[in-house]
Amino acid sequence: MERLSERARQVLDAAEDEVYRLDHPHIGTEHLLLGLFSVDSPARDVLLAAGATADGTRAKVVEAVGKRDPRQRGEPELSARAKRAIDRASRLSLQRRDPELEPAH
């Protein structure tokens, strides 16, 4: 996580905000996807060019994930899949010899 660029940190912060907004129990890849809409980046440009919107994506996430059990409270943690996605992105950035992990990775 130390190689994250400022924009990548903003994506993670936005993903966490989505978790609270949607009352979900963890930060999953679906929340990372929603976080990509929050920063100006090539990744967001690709999503928008494909016709995806933050609101449409959020509706599908709610449909797929549902809501948290009210008894489950506390700080949301990254799901195993989200950790793997960030790890793979980090490896890609290292292979490309990029100085930081960016949202596009």
Protein backbone atom coordinates (compact mmCIF):
# COMPACT_ATOMS: atom_id res chain seq x y z
CA MET A 1 0.00 0.00 0.00
CA GLU A 2 2.99 2.30 0.34
CA ARG A 3 3.33 2.60 -3.47
CA LEU A 4 -0.16 4.01 -3.95
CA SER A 5 -0.35 7.29 -5.82
CA GLU A 6 -2.51 10.09 -4.48
CA ARG A 7 -5.20 9.24 -7.05
CA ALA A 8 -5.14 5.56 -6.04
CA ARG A 9 -5.56 6.59 -2.40
CA GLN A 10 -8.53 8.72 -3.44
CA VAL A 11 -10.06 5.66 -5.14
CA LEU A 12 -9.66 3.64 -1.92
CA ASP A 13 -11.14 6.47 0.15
CA ALA A 14 -14.08 6.73 -2.26
CA ALA A 15 -14.54 2.94 -2.10
CA GLU A 16 -14.73 3.14 1.69
CA ASP A 17 -17.23 6.00 1.41
CA GLU A 18 -19.37 3.77 -0.83
CA VAL A 19 -19.26 1.01 1.78
CA TYR A 20 -20.69 3.38 4.38
CA ARG A 21 -23.17 4.86 1.92
CA LEU A 22 -24.47 1.42 0.93
CA ASP A 23 -24.14 -0.06 4.42
CA HIS A 24 -22.00 -2.98 3.27
CA PRO A 25 -19.80 -5.13 5.53
CA HIS A 26 -16.51 -4.98 3.59
CA ILE A 27 -14.63 -3.13 0.86
CA GLY A 28 -14.93 -5.38 -2.17
CA THR A 29 -13.91 -5.14 -5.78
CA GLU A 30 -17.35 -3.70 -6.49
CA HIS A 31 -16.55 -0.77 -4.19
CA LEU A 32 -13.15 -0.31 -5.84
CA LEU A 33 -14.98 -0.12 -9.18
CA LEU A 34 -17.29 2.56 -7.78
CA GLY A 35 -14.24 4.38 -6.41
CA LEU A 36 -12.79 4.60 -9.92
CA PHE A 37 -15.61 6.94 -10.88
CA SER A 38 -14.44 9.44 -8.26
CA VAL A 39 -11.07 10.41 -9.76
CA ASP A 40 -10.04 11.74 -13.12
CA SER A 41 -8.06 8.86 -14.60
CA PRO A 42 -7.78 6.75 -17.75
CA ALA A 43 -9.66 3.98 -15.90
CA ARG A 44 -12.66 6.25 -15.38
CA ASP A 45 -12.47 7.41 -18.99
CA VAL A 46 -12.67 3.79 -20.19
CA LEU A 47 -15.65 3.07 -17.94
CA LEU A 48 -17.49 6.16 -19.15
CA ALA A 49 -16.65 5.43 -22.80
CA ALA A 50 -18.14 1.96 -22.35
CA GLY A 51 -21.37 3.58 -21.16
CA ALA A 52 -20.97 2.82 -17.47
CA THR A 53 -22.11 5.40 -14.93
CA ALA A 54 -21.53 5.66 -11.21
CA ASP A 55 -25.27 5.60 -10.49
CA GLY A 56 -25.92 2.61 -12.74
CA THR A 57 -22.98 0.73 -11.28
CA ARG A 58 -24.09 1.56 -7.74
CA ALA A 59 -27.58 0.19 -8.47
CA LYS A 60 -26.08 -3.09 -9.71
CA VAL A 61 -23.84 -3.32 -6.65
CA VAL A 62 -26.83 -2.87 -4.34
CA GLU A 63 -28.70 -5.52 -6.33
CA ALA A 64 -25.80 -7.97 -6.07
CA VAL A 65 -24.61 -7.35 -2.51
CA GLY A 66 -27.69 -6.24 -0.60
CA LYS A 67 -27.35 -4.70 2.83
CA ARG A 68 -25.32 -5.46 5.93
CA ASP A 69 -26.73 -7.33 8.87
CA PRO A 70 -27.42 -4.56 11.44
CA ARG A 71 -25.56 -6.59 14.05
CA GLN A 72 -22.34 -6.36 11.99
CA ARG A 73 -20.67 -3.05 12.76
CA GLY A 74 -17.12 -1.87 12.81
CA GLU A 75 -14.50 -0.76 10.36
CA PRO A 76 -14.88 -2.34 6.92
CA GLU A 77 -11.85 -4.28 5.74
CA LEU A 78 -10.73 -5.20 2.25
CA SER A 79 -12.19 -8.46 1.03
CA ALA A 80 -9.82 -11.18 -0.15
CA ARG A 81 -10.73 -10.41 -3.77
CA ALA A 82 -10.09 -6.70 -3.31
CA LYS A 83 -6.70 -7.48 -1.75
CA ARG A 84 -5.86 -9.72 -4.72
CA ALA A 85 -6.95 -7.05 -7.20
CA ILE A 86 -4.70 -4.46 -5.52
CA ASP A 87 -1.83 -6.97 -5.35
CA ARG A 88 -2.17 -7.76 -9.06
CA ALA A 89 -2.32 -4.08 -9.92
CA SER A 90 0.82 -3.53 -7.86
CA ARG A 91 2.63 -6.34 -9.67
CA LEU A 92 1.59 -4.87 -13.03
CA SER A 93 2.92 -1.46 -12.04
CA LEU A 94 6.22 -3.04 -10.99
CA GLN A 95 6.48 -4.99 -14.25
CA ARG A 96 5.94 -1.76 -16.15
CA ARG A 97 8.49 -0.06 -13.88
CA ASP A 98 6.00 2.63 -12.98
CA PRO A 99 7.00 4.59 -9.89
CA GLU A 100 3.57 4.34 -8.24
CA LEU A 101 0.42 2.27 -8.32
CA GLU A 102 -2.20 4.24 -10.25
CA PRO A 103 -5.95 3.65 -10.73
CA ALA A 104 -5.27 2.55 -14.32
CA HIS A 105 -3.30 -0.45 -13.06
